[in-house]
Amino acid sequence: MIISTVIINSVFEEVVEAGYFIHTFSRFGMWSAILAGALLRMFYHLPLMRMEALLGILATALMFEYAYWRWRQLWPLVLAHTLRNLYFYLIAIHHAA
């Protein structure tokens, strides 16, 4: 379960939300591409989160999308996303115990 939620999900989300959306919407300009990827990322998590958490996801998404636009490297984003997911996974386990 940890592998699927922490690692595989991070790879999938970054490839689709950063990589694909930045390339697809880049013809409309930098901010259109960044906002498209960030909003998709936020809507992706809509059923799972409260509004405060969604705003945090949107802020993180904007940073991730901008970083991908700037450097065109997915692996740093995958690593950051994996670490972020692992952190929240461990917090959830700690609170459940």
Protein backbone atom coordinates (compact mmCIF):
# COMPACT_ATOMS: atom_id res chain seq x y z
CA MET A 1 0.00 0.00 0.00
CA ILE A 2 2.81 2.42 0.79
CA ILE A 3 4.41 1.83 -2.60
CA SER A 4 1.17 2.41 -4.50
CA THR A 5 0.04 5.51 -2.62
CA VAL A 6 3.40 7.13 -2.07
CA ILE A 7 5.59 6.29 -5.07
CA ILE A 8 3.42 5.15 -7.98
CA ASN A 9 0.84 7.86 -7.36
CA SER A 10 3.57 10.51 -7.26
CA VAL A 11 5.02 9.36 -10.57
CA PHE A 12 1.58 9.22 -12.20
CA GLU A 13 0.49 12.64 -10.94
CA GLU A 14 3.68 14.40 -11.97
CA VAL A 15 3.75 12.84 -15.43
CA VAL A 16 0.10 13.71 -16.09
CA GLU A 17 -0.33 16.97 -14.20
CA ALA A 18 3.04 18.58 -14.75
CA GLY A 19 4.46 16.90 -17.82
CA TYR A 20 1.39 16.38 -19.98
CA PHE A 21 -0.52 19.53 -19.08
CA ILE A 22 2.49 21.83 -19.37
CA HIS A 23 3.22 20.45 -22.85
CA THR A 24 -0.42 20.48 -23.92
CA PHE A 25 -1.22 24.00 -22.75
CA SER A 26 2.18 25.60 -23.40
CA ARG A 27 0.88 27.06 -26.68
CA PHE A 28 -1.43 29.28 -24.58
CA GLY A 29 1.45 30.68 -22.55
CA MET A 30 3.25 29.91 -19.33
CA TRP A 31 0.54 30.92 -16.85
CA SER A 32 -2.26 29.17 -18.74
CA ALA A 33 -0.26 25.95 -18.72
CA ILE A 34 0.69 26.31 -15.06
CA LEU A 35 -2.88 27.10 -13.98
CA ALA A 36 -4.32 24.22 -16.03
CA GLY A 37 -2.00 21.71 -14.36
CA ALA A 38 -2.49 23.21 -10.89
CA LEU A 39 -6.28 23.27 -11.16
CA LEU A 40 -6.35 19.70 -12.42
CA ARG A 41 -4.21 18.67 -9.46
CA MET A 42 -6.57 20.46 -7.07
CA PHE A 43 -9.71 18.95 -8.62
CA TYR A 44 -8.05 15.53 -8.53
CA HIS A 45 -7.99 15.74 -4.74
CA LEU A 46 -11.40 17.41 -4.35
CA PRO A 47 -13.28 14.35 -3.01
CA LEU A 48 -10.56 13.65 -0.44
CA MET A 49 -9.90 17.00 1.18
CA ARG A 50 -11.31 19.91 3.13
CA MET A 51 -11.12 23.38 1.60
CA GLU A 52 -8.04 24.40 3.62
CA ALA A 53 -6.18 21.33 2.38
CA LEU A 54 -7.22 22.05 -1.20
CA LEU A 55 -5.75 25.54 -0.98
CA GLY A 56 -2.49 23.99 0.23
CA ILE A 57 -2.57 21.57 -2.68
CA LEU A 58 -3.21 24.44 -5.08
CA ALA A 59 -0.24 26.40 -3.68
CA THR A 60 2.02 23.35 -3.93
CA ALA A 61 0.72 22.62 -7.42
CA LEU A 62 1.52 26.14 -8.60
CA MET A 63 5.09 25.75 -7.32
CA PHE A 64 5.47 22.31 -8.92
CA GLU A 65 4.02 23.43 -12.24
CA TYR A 66 6.27 26.49 -12.30
CA ALA A 67 9.33 24.39 -11.43
CA TYR A 68 8.54 22.03 -14.28
CA TRP A 69 8.00 24.93 -16.69
CA ARG A 70 11.31 26.47 -15.64
CA TRP A 71 13.57 23.40 -15.63
CA ARG A 72 11.64 20.73 -17.62
CA GLN A 73 12.68 17.99 -15.20
CA LEU A 74 10.08 15.62 -13.73
CA TRP A 75 12.29 13.61 -11.35
CA PRO A 76 12.80 16.40 -8.79
CA LEU A 77 9.02 16.86 -8.70
CA VAL A 78 8.43 13.12 -8.36
CA LEU A 79 10.90 13.01 -5.49
CA ALA A 80 9.33 16.02 -3.75
CA HIS A 81 5.84 14.62 -4.26
CA THR A 82 6.91 11.20 -2.95
CA LEU A 83 8.44 12.75 0.17
CA ARG A 84 5.34 14.88 0.72
CA ASN A 85 3.04 11.87 0.35
CA LEU A 86 5.24 9.81 2.68
CA TYR A 87 5.15 12.59 5.28
CA PHE A 88 1.36 12.81 5.24
CA TYR A 89 1.05 9.02 5.20
CA LEU A 90 3.21 8.77 8.32
CA ILE A 91 1.20 11.56 10.00
CA ALA A 92 -2.00 9.64 9.28
CA ILE A 93 -0.55 6.43 10.73
CA HIS A 94 0.64 8.32 13.81
CA HIS A 95 -2.80 9.84 14.41
CA ALA A 96 -4.54 6.52 13.83
CA ALA A 97 -2.38 4.77 16.44
